[in-house]
Amino acid sequence: MINKLKELVENSSEEEVKSLLFQMLLRINMMEETDFPEEQFTKDLKRYIKIFLIINPSK
């Protein structure tokens, strides 16, 4: 899985990677500044990975 994600990131556009990074950083910020649950944070990250894999299946 790690190698697949690495390959996807390397073959994705800069815009896609920036968007994914922004979403992750936004969630981290929410978790630190509010009572945003760590469990939800983990679920969100897993969802982002799944979405990233779905929208980039052939890369």
N, C-alpha and C. Protein backbone atom coordinates (compact mmCIF):
# COMPACT_ATOMS: atom_id res chain seq x y z
N MET A 1 0.83 -1.20 0.00
CA MET A 1 0.00 0.00 0.00
C MET A 1 0.87 1.26 0.00
N ILE A 2 1.93 1.26 0.79
CA ILE A 2 2.80 2.44 0.87
C ILE A 2 3.41 2.74 -0.49
N ASN A 3 3.88 1.70 -1.16
CA ASN A 3 4.49 1.90 -2.48
C ASN A 3 3.47 2.43 -3.49
N LYS A 4 2.25 1.91 -3.41
CA LYS A 4 1.19 2.38 -4.30
C LYS A 4 0.89 3.86 -4.04
N LEU A 5 0.79 4.25 -2.78
CA LEU A 5 0.53 5.66 -2.45
C LEU A 5 1.68 6.55 -2.91
N LYS A 6 2.90 6.09 -2.69
CA LYS A 6 4.06 6.86 -3.13
C LYS A 6 4.04 7.06 -4.63
N GLU A 7 3.75 6.01 -5.37
CA GLU A 7 3.68 6.10 -6.82
C GLU A 7 2.57 7.07 -7.26
N LEU A 8 1.42 6.98 -6.60
CA LEU A 8 0.31 7.87 -6.93
C LEU A 8 0.67 9.33 -6.69
N VAL A 9 1.31 9.61 -5.58
CA VAL A 9 1.70 10.98 -5.27
C VAL A 9 2.70 11.49 -6.31
N GLU A 10 3.67 10.66 -6.64
CA GLU A 10 4.68 11.06 -7.62
C GLU A 10 4.08 11.32 -8.99
N ASN A 11 3.02 10.59 -9.33
CA ASN A 11 2.41 10.72 -10.66
C ASN A 11 1.20 11.65 -10.68
N SER A 12 0.87 12.22 -9.56
CA SER A 12 -0.28 13.14 -9.51
C SER A 12 0.16 14.56 -9.84
N SER A 13 -0.83 15.33 -10.19
CA SER A 13 -0.52 16.73 -10.47
C SER A 13 -0.21 17.47 -9.17
N GLU A 14 0.47 18.57 -9.31
CA GLU A 14 0.79 19.38 -8.14
C GLU A 14 -0.50 19.85 -7.45
N GLU A 15 -1.48 20.18 -8.23
CA GLU A 15 -2.77 20.64 -7.68
C GLU A 15 -3.42 19.55 -6.83
N GLU A 16 -3.41 18.31 -7.30
CA GLU A 16 -4.00 17.21 -6.54
C GLU A 16 -3.26 16.99 -5.21
N VAL A 17 -1.96 17.02 -5.27
CA VAL A 17 -1.17 16.79 -4.07
C VAL A 17 -1.35 17.93 -3.07
N LYS A 18 -1.38 19.15 -3.57
CA LYS A 18 -1.60 20.30 -2.68
C LYS A 18 -2.97 20.22 -2.02
N SER A 19 -3.96 19.81 -2.77
CA SER A 19 -5.31 19.68 -2.22
C SER A 19 -5.35 18.63 -1.11
N LEU A 20 -4.73 17.50 -1.35
CA LEU A 20 -4.69 16.44 -0.34
C LEU A 20 -3.95 16.91 0.91
N LEU A 21 -2.82 17.55 0.72
CA LEU A 21 -2.05 18.07 1.85
C LEU A 21 -2.85 19.11 2.62
N PHE A 22 -3.52 19.99 1.92
CA PHE A 22 -4.32 21.02 2.58
C PHE A 22 -5.41 20.39 3.45
N GLN A 23 -6.10 19.38 2.92
CA GLN A 23 -7.14 18.72 3.69
C GLN A 23 -6.58 18.08 4.96
N MET A 24 -5.43 17.47 4.85
CA MET A 24 -4.81 16.86 6.03
C MET A 24 -4.40 17.92 7.05
N LEU A 25 -3.80 18.98 6.60
CA LEU A 25 -3.37 20.05 7.51
C LEU A 25 -4.57 20.75 8.15
N LEU A 26 -5.62 20.90 7.39
CA LEU A 26 -6.84 21.50 7.93
C LEU A 26 -7.40 20.65 9.07
N ARG A 27 -7.44 19.35 8.88
CA ARG A 27 -7.94 18.46 9.93
C ARG A 27 -7.03 18.49 11.15
N ILE A 28 -5.74 18.51 10.95
CA ILE A 28 -4.80 18.60 12.07
C ILE A 28 -5.04 19.88 12.85
N ASN A 29 -5.22 20.96 12.14
CA ASN A 29 -5.49 22.24 12.79
C ASN A 29 -6.79 22.20 13.58
N MET A 30 -7.82 21.63 12.99
CA MET A 30 -9.10 21.51 13.68
C MET A 30 -8.96 20.70 14.96
N MET A 31 -8.20 19.62 14.87
CA MET A 31 -8.01 18.76 16.03
C MET A 31 -7.28 19.50 17.15
N GLU A 32 -6.31 20.31 16.80
CA GLU A 32 -5.53 21.03 17.81
C GLU A 32 -6.28 22.21 18.41
N GLU A 33 -7.11 22.88 17.63
CA GLU A 33 -7.76 24.09 18.10
C GLU A 33 -9.17 23.87 18.66
N THR A 34 -9.71 22.70 18.45
CA THR A 34 -11.06 22.41 18.93
C THR A 34 -11.06 21.06 19.63
N ASP A 35 -12.24 20.59 19.91
CA ASP A 35 -12.38 19.26 20.50
C ASP A 35 -12.62 18.21 19.43
N PHE A 36 -12.10 18.47 18.25
CA PHE A 36 -12.24 17.53 17.14
C PHE A 36 -11.62 16.19 17.54
N PRO A 37 -12.39 15.12 17.56
CA PRO A 37 -11.90 13.84 18.07
C PRO A 37 -10.81 13.21 17.18
N GLU A 38 -9.82 12.66 17.83
CA GLU A 38 -8.74 11.99 17.10
C GLU A 38 -9.28 10.82 16.28
N GLU A 39 -10.28 10.16 16.79
CA GLU A 39 -10.88 9.05 16.05
C GLU A 39 -11.47 9.53 14.73
N GLN A 40 -12.13 10.67 14.75
CA GLN A 40 -12.69 11.22 13.52
C GLN A 40 -11.58 11.65 12.57
N PHE A 41 -10.53 12.21 13.12
CA PHE A 41 -9.36 12.60 12.32
C PHE A 41 -8.81 11.38 11.57
N THR A 42 -8.67 10.28 12.27
CA THR A 42 -8.15 9.05 11.66
C THR A 42 -9.10 8.56 10.57
N LYS A 43 -10.39 8.58 10.84
CA LYS A 43 -11.37 8.16 9.84
C LYS A 43 -11.29 9.05 8.60
N ASP A 44 -11.15 10.35 8.81
CA ASP A 44 -11.05 11.28 7.68
C ASP A 44 -9.82 11.00 6.83
N LEU A 45 -8.69 10.76 7.48
CA LEU A 45 -7.46 10.47 6.72
C LEU A 45 -7.62 9.20 5.90
N LYS A 46 -8.23 8.19 6.48
CA LYS A 46 -8.46 6.95 5.75
C LYS A 46 -9.38 7.19 4.55
N ARG A 47 -10.37 8.03 4.76
CA ARG A 47 -11.29 8.35 3.66
C ARG A 47 -10.57 9.09 2.55
N TYR A 48 -9.70 10.03 2.90
CA TYR A 48 -8.92 10.76 1.89
C TYR A 48 -8.05 9.81 1.07
N ILE A 49 -7.45 8.85 1.74
CA ILE A 49 -6.62 7.88 1.03
C ILE A 49 -7.47 7.06 0.07
N LYS A 50 -8.62 6.60 0.52
CA LYS A 50 -9.50 5.82 -0.35
C LYS A 50 -9.94 6.63 -1.56
N ILE A 51 -10.33 7.87 -1.32
CA ILE A 51 -10.75 8.73 -2.42
C ILE A 51 -9.61 8.96 -3.39
N PHE A 52 -8.43 9.21 -2.86
CA PHE A 52 -7.25 9.43 -3.70
C PHE A 52 -6.97 8.20 -4.57
N LEU A 53 -7.12 7.02 -3.99
CA LEU A 53 -6.90 5.80 -4.75
C LEU A 53 -7.99 5.60 -5.81
N ILE A 54 -9.21 5.98 -5.50
CA ILE A 54 -10.31 5.82 -6.45
C ILE A 54 -10.18 6.76 -7.63
N ILE A 55 -9.82 8.01 -7.37
CA ILE A 55 -9.76 8.98 -8.46
C ILE A 55 -8.49 8.88 -9.29
N ASN A 56 -7.53 8.08 -8.82
CA ASN A 56 -6.27 7.91 -9.54
C ASN A 56 -5.96 6.41 -9.75
N PRO A 57 -6.89 5.63 -10.23
CA PRO A 57 -6.66 4.18 -10.28
C PRO A 57 -5.57 3.74 -11.25
N SER A 58 -5.41 4.44 -12.35
CA SER A 58 -4.46 3.99 -13.37
C SER A 58 -3.10 4.65 -13.27
N LYS A 59 -2.94 5.55 -12.32
CA LYS A 59 -1.66 6.25 -12.19
C LYS A 59 -0.68 5.38 -11.45
